[in-house]
Protein backbone atom coordinates (compact mmCIF):
# COMPACT_ATOMS: atom_id res chain seq x y z
CA GLN A 1 4.44 -14.40 11.62
CA VAL A 2 7.33 -13.24 9.49
CA GLN A 3 10.40 -15.45 9.66
CA LEU A 4 13.77 -14.81 8.06
CA VAL A 5 16.49 -17.45 8.03
CA GLU A 6 19.98 -16.61 6.78
CA SER A 7 22.56 -19.10 5.59
CA GLY A 8 25.82 -19.18 3.69
CA GLY A 9 28.21 -17.51 6.09
CA GLY A 10 31.64 -18.89 6.91
CA LEU A 11 35.38 -18.34 6.92
CA VAL A 12 37.05 -17.17 3.72
CA GLN A 13 40.41 -15.70 2.79
CA ALA A 14 40.74 -12.12 1.64
CA GLY A 15 39.86 -11.85 -2.03
CA GLY A 16 37.45 -14.75 -1.84
CA SER A 17 33.70 -14.94 -2.30
CA LEU A 18 30.63 -16.02 -0.37
CA ARG A 19 26.94 -16.08 -1.21
CA LEU A 20 24.46 -15.44 1.57
CA SER A 21 20.84 -16.54 1.33
CA CYS A 22 17.81 -15.47 3.31
CA ALA A 23 14.64 -17.52 3.16
CA ALA A 24 11.47 -15.65 4.10
CA SER A 25 8.08 -16.92 5.18
CA GLY A 26 4.89 -15.72 6.81
CA ARG A 27 3.61 -13.19 4.27
CA PRO A 28 3.65 -12.52 0.49
CA PHE A 29 7.35 -12.11 -0.19
CA SER A 30 6.95 -10.30 -3.50
CA ARG A 31 5.36 -7.21 -1.88
CA TYR A 32 8.25 -6.20 0.35
CA THR A 33 11.68 -4.65 0.11
CA MET A 34 14.46 -6.84 1.50
CA GLY A 35 17.70 -5.62 2.99
CA TRP A 36 21.04 -6.84 4.27
CA PHE A 37 22.81 -5.30 7.25
CA ARG A 38 25.97 -6.23 9.11
CA GLN A 39 27.43 -5.74 12.55
CA ALA A 40 31.10 -6.06 13.38
CA PRO A 41 32.30 -6.62 16.96
CA GLY A 42 32.05 -3.42 18.94
CA ALA A 43 30.38 -1.57 16.09
CA GLU A 44 26.86 -0.47 15.30
CA ARG A 45 24.73 -2.38 12.84
CA GLU A 46 25.09 -0.88 9.39
CA PHE A 47 23.25 -1.00 6.09
CA VAL A 48 24.77 -3.10 3.31
CA ALA A 49 22.23 -3.35 0.49
CA ALA A 50 18.52 -3.35 -0.29
CA ILE A 51 16.31 -4.49 -3.13
CA SER A 52 12.73 -3.52 -3.85
CA TRP A 53 9.81 -5.96 -4.05
CA THR A 54 10.11 -6.29 -7.86
CA GLY A 55 13.90 -6.05 -7.94
CA SER A 56 13.75 -2.87 -10.03
CA TRP A 57 15.38 -0.74 -7.33
CA ILE A 58 18.68 -1.73 -5.76
CA TYR A 59 20.83 0.32 -3.42
CA GLY A 60 24.16 -0.52 -1.85
CA ALA A 61 26.46 1.08 0.68
CA ASP A 62 29.53 2.79 -0.75
CA SER A 63 31.76 0.36 1.11
CA VAL A 64 30.44 -2.61 -0.89
CA LYS A 65 29.65 -1.12 -4.29
CA GLY A 66 31.34 -3.03 -7.08
CA ARG A 67 31.94 -6.03 -4.80
CA PHE A 68 28.57 -7.10 -3.37
CA THR A 69 25.39 -7.80 -5.34
CA ILE A 70 21.92 -8.19 -3.89
CA SER A 71 19.27 -10.15 -5.76
CA ARG A 72 16.00 -11.92 -5.09
CA ASP A 73 13.93 -14.81 -6.34
CA ASN A 74 10.28 -14.14 -5.62
CA ALA A 75 9.29 -17.63 -6.69
CA GLU A 76 11.60 -19.06 -4.02
CA ASN A 77 10.91 -16.38 -1.38
CA THR A 78 14.63 -15.84 -1.07
CA VAL A 79 17.01 -12.89 -1.17
CA TYR A 80 20.71 -13.28 -1.85
CA LEU A 81 23.90 -11.34 -1.20
CA GLN A 82 26.78 -12.28 -3.48
CA MET A 83 29.99 -11.05 -1.91
CA ASN A 84 33.15 -10.92 -4.00
CA SER A 85 36.64 -9.53 -3.36
CA LEU A 86 36.08 -9.88 0.35
CA LYS A 87 38.25 -7.88 2.74
CA PRO A 88 39.03 -8.44 6.43
CA GLU A 89 36.94 -5.37 7.22
CA ASP A 90 33.89 -7.19 5.84
CA THR A 91 34.05 -9.50 8.85
CA ALA A 92 30.73 -9.23 10.69
CA VAL A 93 27.46 -10.92 11.46
CA TYR A 94 25.21 -10.39 8.45
CA TYR A 95 21.47 -9.94 8.94
CA CYS A 96 18.58 -10.13 6.55
CA ALA A 97 15.69 -7.76 7.27
CA THR A 98 12.41 -6.46 5.88
CA PRO A 99 10.05 -3.58 6.69
CA ARG A 100 6.58 -4.03 8.15
CA ASN A 101 4.98 -1.99 5.36
CA GLU A 102 4.77 -3.24 1.83
CA ARG A 103 6.06 -1.53 -1.30
CA ILE A 104 8.38 0.98 0.33
CA ARG A 105 12.04 1.55 -0.42
CA ALA A 106 14.14 1.50 2.72
CA THR A 107 17.80 1.89 3.60
CA MET A 108 17.67 3.06 7.21
CA LEU A 109 17.99 0.69 10.14
CA ASN A 110 14.83 1.98 11.81
CA GLU A 111 12.77 1.32 8.67
CA TYR A 112 13.22 -2.41 9.09
CA ASP A 113 10.99 -4.32 11.49
CA TYR A 114 11.72 -8.00 10.99
CA TRP A 115 15.17 -9.52 11.32
CA GLY A 116 16.84 -12.86 10.87
CA GLN A 117 19.14 -14.43 13.43
CA GLY A 118 22.27 -13.50 11.49
CA THR A 119 25.08 -15.45 9.88
CA GLN A 120 28.77 -14.97 10.66
CA VAL A 121 31.16 -13.96 7.89
CA THR A 122 34.86 -14.01 8.74
CA VAL A 123 37.47 -12.85 6.26
CA SER A 124 41.07 -13.72 7.08
CA SER A 125 44.02 -11.70 5.83
């Protein structure tokens, strides 16, 4: 059974940084794309960034380009989201996710089948 556990969320002032981690278990981590999504209160869940199984393909939403960086450590079965220059509008619950099928690039919500429980990120102005 695939399990994803996020950590690293918290309260930070605007302009600050946070690093989210997502530890995966239950299947060979290095075969699957990993993604980060977020959901603000009253809003739909939205794509943030994704990274392919080898790390050779990375894609980020326009709203976070130049500020957020996704990376992965296949030896540690962990994916990271480094968030810099945080803004109040980045406030949301952040979710780690992965598709059911291996070796596919994915950026759409409905392409992801397994989800973590989420970690809250709050950016104060």
